[in-house]
Amino acid sequence: GWVGIPRQCDYSASKWAANGLAEALRMELRHMGATGVSTTCVCPFYIDTGMFEGVRGSWLPTLPVLKPDYVVASMMTAIRRRTPVLNMPAMVNLTPLMRAGMPVAAFDWCCDFLGITKSMDEFAGRSIDTPGSS
C-alpha cells in the first residue's frame, strides 16, 4: 500500500485504501478518546503464497519475498504490542520518507533500481482448476 506496482493497479489501489482506512480509524478512535481499542495496519512486501506465484522480490537481501509463518508471527507480536503500523520487512519503513522527501522522478528511479517496478513481470498467480479439467 505504499508503492503502485505495474500489473497490480487494482491490488495496489485496494492496499492504499486499506492504509487510509486504518489511519482514519486510528485517528477517529483517538479523537473520540476511546481507550482499550487499538488498530494495527500490516503492510507486508510480497508473501510466498500461491497468490503471488512467479513474483520476484528485490535484488536486495533486505527486501525478500516473505514467508507466511514469519508474517503471522510478526503480526501477532505487533497486535500484542499495540503497534499502529507494521511495515514488513523493516526496509519498507523508508518508503513513506522517500515518497515525502524525493521528487516523483527520483522515487520512481529508486523503485526501478530496487527492482520493484519489474517484480510482477514473471507473475503467474495461483492456478485455478476449472470444472472438467484434469
Protein backbone atom coordinates (compact mmCIF):
# COMPACT_ATOMS: atom_id res chain seq x y z
CA GLY A 1 0.00 0.00 0.00
CA TRP A 2 2.99 2.36 -0.21
CA VAL A 3 4.03 1.90 -3.86
CA GLY A 4 1.98 1.45 -7.01
CA ILE A 5 3.17 -1.65 -8.85
CA PRO A 6 2.81 -2.23 -12.62
CA ARG A 7 0.35 -5.05 -13.38
CA GLN A 8 -1.21 -4.51 -9.94
CA CYS A 9 -3.16 -1.27 -10.32
CA ASP A 10 -6.34 -2.61 -8.72
CA TYR A 11 -4.48 -4.51 -5.99
CA SER A 12 -2.23 -1.52 -5.22
CA ALA A 13 -5.26 0.78 -5.04
CA SER A 14 -7.03 -1.51 -2.58
CA LYS A 15 -3.95 -1.50 -0.33
CA TRP A 16 -3.72 2.30 -0.46
CA ALA A 17 -7.39 2.36 0.58
CA ALA A 18 -6.71 -0.04 3.46
CA ASN A 19 -3.88 2.21 4.68
CA GLY A 20 -6.18 5.23 4.54
CA LEU A 21 -8.97 3.42 6.35
CA ALA A 22 -6.61 2.23 9.10
CA GLU A 23 -5.22 5.73 9.58
CA ALA A 24 -8.64 7.39 9.63
CA LEU A 25 -10.00 4.80 12.09
CA ARG A 26 -6.97 5.17 14.36
CA MET A 27 -7.34 8.96 14.34
CA GLU A 28 -11.10 8.78 14.90
CA LEU A 29 -10.72 6.46 17.90
CA ARG A 30 -8.04 8.76 19.31
CA HIS A 31 -10.21 11.85 18.72
CA MET A 32 -13.14 10.17 20.48
CA GLY A 33 -10.93 9.38 23.46
CA ALA A 34 -11.59 5.66 23.04
CA THR A 35 -9.48 3.58 25.36
CA GLY A 36 -8.88 -0.13 25.26
CA VAL A 37 -9.20 -0.19 21.48
CA SER A 38 -6.21 -0.26 19.16
CA THR A 39 -5.61 -0.90 15.50
CA THR A 40 -2.69 -2.49 13.69
CA CYS A 41 -2.25 -1.94 9.96
CA VAL A 42 0.01 -4.62 8.47
CA CYS A 43 1.88 -3.67 5.29
CA PRO A 44 3.96 -6.60 4.08
CA PHE A 45 6.00 -6.87 0.91
CA TYR A 46 5.14 -9.95 -1.16
CA ILE A 47 4.29 -13.10 0.78
CA ASP A 48 5.29 -16.53 -0.53
CA THR A 49 1.81 -17.89 -1.21
CA GLY A 50 0.18 -19.23 -4.35
CA MET A 51 -1.40 -15.84 -4.89
CA PHE A 52 2.00 -14.37 -5.76
CA GLU A 53 3.36 -17.29 -7.79
CA GLY A 54 6.10 -16.04 -10.09
CA VAL A 55 6.62 -12.70 -8.32
CA ARG A 56 10.21 -11.58 -7.88
CA GLY A 57 11.50 -9.84 -4.80
CA SER A 58 14.14 -7.16 -4.95
CA TRP A 59 17.79 -7.99 -5.53
CA LEU A 60 18.33 -6.55 -2.05
CA PRO A 61 18.50 -9.17 0.71
CA THR A 62 16.62 -6.68 2.93
CA LEU A 63 13.56 -6.84 0.63
CA PRO A 64 12.80 -10.55 0.23
CA VAL A 65 9.58 -12.36 -0.58
CA LEU A 66 8.30 -13.11 2.93
CA LYS A 67 7.48 -16.50 4.43
CA PRO A 68 3.89 -16.82 5.72
CA ASP A 69 4.92 -18.11 9.19
CA TYR A 70 7.21 -15.11 9.67
CA VAL A 71 4.44 -12.70 8.65
CA VAL A 72 1.93 -14.28 11.03
CA ALA A 73 4.37 -14.29 13.97
CA SER A 74 5.28 -10.65 13.30
CA MET A 75 1.61 -9.66 13.04
CA MET A 76 0.75 -11.34 16.33
CA THR A 77 3.64 -9.59 18.08
CA ALA A 78 2.60 -6.22 16.63
CA ILE A 79 -1.02 -6.71 17.72
CA ARG A 80 0.03 -7.70 21.26
CA ARG A 81 2.29 -4.62 21.44
CA ARG A 82 -0.45 -2.39 20.01
CA THR A 83 1.84 -1.30 17.18
CA PRO A 84 -0.18 1.07 14.93
CA VAL A 85 1.63 0.20 11.67
CA LEU A 86 3.74 -2.85 10.86
CA ASN A 87 5.75 -2.49 7.66
CA MET A 88 7.47 -5.70 6.56
CA PRO A 89 10.34 -6.08 6.10
CA ALA A 90 11.78 -3.18 8.10
CA MET A 91 13.18 -1.55 4.94
CA VAL A 92 9.60 -0.73 3.93
CA ASN A 93 9.59 1.86 6.75
CA LEU A 94 11.75 4.03 4.48
CA THR A 95 9.11 4.18 1.74
CA PRO A 96 6.91 6.96 3.21
CA LEU A 97 10.02 9.02 3.96
CA MET A 98 11.31 8.52 0.43
CA ARG A 99 7.94 9.47 -1.06
CA ALA A 100 7.77 12.64 1.04
CA GLY A 101 11.40 13.67 0.61
CA MET A 102 12.05 12.96 -3.06
CA PRO A 103 10.79 14.36 -6.33
CA VAL A 104 8.49 11.88 -8.09
CA ALA A 105 11.09 11.10 -10.78
CA ALA A 106 13.70 10.25 -8.13
CA PHE A 107 11.27 8.00 -6.24
CA ASP A 108 10.32 6.24 -9.48
CA TRP A 109 14.02 5.74 -10.27
CA CYS A 110 14.55 4.16 -6.83
CA CYS A 111 11.66 1.75 -7.46
CA ASP A 112 13.22 0.83 -10.82
CA PHE A 113 16.68 0.44 -9.26
CA LEU A 114 15.38 -1.82 -6.48
CA GLY A 115 13.51 -3.98 -8.99
CA ILE A 116 10.11 -3.18 -7.53
CA THR A 117 8.58 -1.98 -10.82
CA LYS A 118 9.60 -5.23 -12.54
CA SER A 119 8.57 -7.52 -9.68
CA MET A 120 5.40 -8.65 -11.48
CA ASP A 121 6.97 -9.25 -14.90
CA GLU A 122 7.01 -13.04 -14.39
CA PHE A 123 3.85 -13.13 -12.28
CA ALA A 124 1.67 -16.18 -12.89
CA GLY A 125 -0.62 -16.13 -9.87
CA ARG A 126 -2.41 -19.08 -8.38
CA SER A 127 -3.57 -21.59 -10.97
CA ILE A 128 -7.30 -22.17 -10.90
CA ASP A 129 -8.65 -25.57 -11.78
CA THR A 130 -11.75 -25.28 -13.90
CA PRO A 131 -14.54 -27.86 -13.71
CA GLY A 132 -13.87 -30.76 -16.04
CA SER A 133 -10.13 -30.08 -16.35
CA SER A 134 -7.63 -32.61 -15.18
